[in-house]
Every structure is written in C-alpha cells, then in structure tokens.
Protein backbone atom coordinates (compact mmCIF):
# COMPACT_ATOMS: atom_id res chain seq x y z
CA MET A 1 0.02 0.10 0.27
CA VAL A 2 1.07 3.26 -0.66
CA ALA A 3 1.29 5.66 2.40
CA THR A 4 1.01 9.73 1.95
CA TYR A 5 2.13 11.89 4.74
CA PHE A 6 0.24 15.18 2.86
CA PRO A 7 -0.93 17.76 4.58
CA GLY A 8 -4.16 17.29 4.68
CA ARG A 9 -4.27 13.08 4.72
CA GLY A 10 -7.67 11.91 3.52
CA THR A 11 -9.06 15.16 2.09
CA LEU A 12 -10.45 15.75 -1.18
CA PHE A 13 -7.28 17.80 -1.64
CA GLU A 14 -5.26 14.41 -0.89
CA GLU A 15 -7.61 12.75 -3.31
CA THR A 16 -6.69 14.89 -6.20
CA TYR A 17 -3.03 14.49 -5.58
CA LEU A 18 -3.52 10.92 -5.95
CA GLU A 19 -5.47 10.83 -8.71
CA GLY A 20 -3.38 12.60 -10.30
CA LYS A 21 -0.22 10.02 -9.63
CA ALA A 22 -2.58 7.69 -10.96
CA GLU A 23 -3.21 9.17 -14.18
CA GLY A 24 0.77 9.85 -14.48
CA LYS A 25 1.43 6.21 -13.63
CA ALA A 26 -1.09 5.07 -16.17
CA GLU A 27 0.51 6.90 -19.22
CA SER A 28 3.63 6.13 -18.41
CA ILE A 29 2.71 2.43 -18.51
CA LEU A 30 1.27 3.14 -22.07
CA SER A 31 3.89 4.69 -22.82
CA VAL A 32 6.68 1.82 -21.82
CA LEU A 33 4.42 -0.47 -23.79
CA ASP A 34 4.33 1.95 -26.88
CA LYS A 35 7.89 2.50 -26.97
CA ARG A 36 8.38 -1.58 -26.65
CA GLY A 37 5.81 -1.81 -29.89
CA ILE A 38 3.05 -3.76 -28.21
CA PRO A 39 -0.05 -3.04 -28.83
CA ALA A 40 -2.31 -2.42 -26.13
CA PRO A 41 -5.84 -3.03 -27.23
CA GLU A 42 -8.96 -0.46 -26.28
CA ALA A 43 -10.20 -2.60 -23.18
CA THR A 44 -6.63 -2.74 -21.88
CA ARG A 45 -6.38 1.08 -21.96
CA ASP A 46 -9.07 1.63 -20.94
CA ARG A 47 -8.52 -0.86 -17.71
CA ILE A 48 -5.30 0.67 -17.40
CA THR A 49 -6.45 4.36 -17.36
CA SER A 50 -9.45 3.67 -15.07
CA CYS A 51 -7.15 1.86 -12.44
CA THR A 52 -6.73 4.12 -9.49
CA ASP A 53 -5.17 2.14 -7.01
CA LEU A 54 -1.37 2.98 -6.95
CA ASP A 55 0.22 -0.55 -5.79
CA THR A 56 -1.75 -1.95 -8.82
CA LEU A 57 0.06 0.31 -11.36
CA THR A 58 3.23 -0.10 -9.76
CA LEU A 59 3.25 -3.38 -10.32
CA TRP A 60 1.35 -2.96 -13.28
CA PHE A 61 4.58 -0.13 -14.54
CA ASP A 62 7.34 -3.29 -13.64
CA ARG A 63 5.69 -5.76 -15.65
CA SER A 64 5.76 -3.38 -18.54
CA LEU A 65 9.08 -3.27 -18.88
CA THR A 66 9.65 -7.42 -19.75
CA ALA A 67 6.03 -8.37 -20.73
CA THR A 68 5.29 -9.32 -24.58
CA THR A 69 2.14 -9.11 -24.90
CA ALA A 70 -0.05 -6.27 -23.15
CA GLU A 71 -2.33 -9.05 -20.63
CA ASP A 72 0.81 -10.33 -19.37
CA LEU A 73 0.23 -6.61 -17.02
CA PHE A 74 -2.27 -8.74 -15.48
CA THR A 75 -1.36 -12.36 -15.42
CA ASP A 76 -0.32 -13.35 -11.78
CA ALA A 77 2.43 -15.29 -12.27
C-alpha cells in the first residue's frame, strides 16, 4: 500500500493529488508499451487508465518493462 504523508491527509485535496499520481502512472505504462512496440487494445487501455490503485499501477508498470503482450501486465505469475 502506498502511504502518503500529504498535508490534509484523507481530504479531497489529497484524493485529487493521488488521482493525478495514478493518471501519471497509467500514462507511463501505456508509454512503455508503445515504445516497446506492444499493442494495447482499447479494453486494456481502459483497464489501465481507470485503475486508481497506485500499488496495482506500480506492479503493472514493473511488468510493462518485460511484458511481451499487454495481457502480461495482468497475469498473476
């Protein structure tokens, strides 16, 4: 779990901050897949961009570095 020590913890201000972090992480995942020439179908893009859990996004980002298909991001190995 990602712990934050953001001023105003648990507030709308923090939620907005964390949403921005999640959006940035999702964009990074899609960028890595694109740069590696791995196609990401619309359903996969939607799954990545709609995720707001930073731990999950971090796991998917790590997997994006070695994945051979976009579906490899979601495989529990």
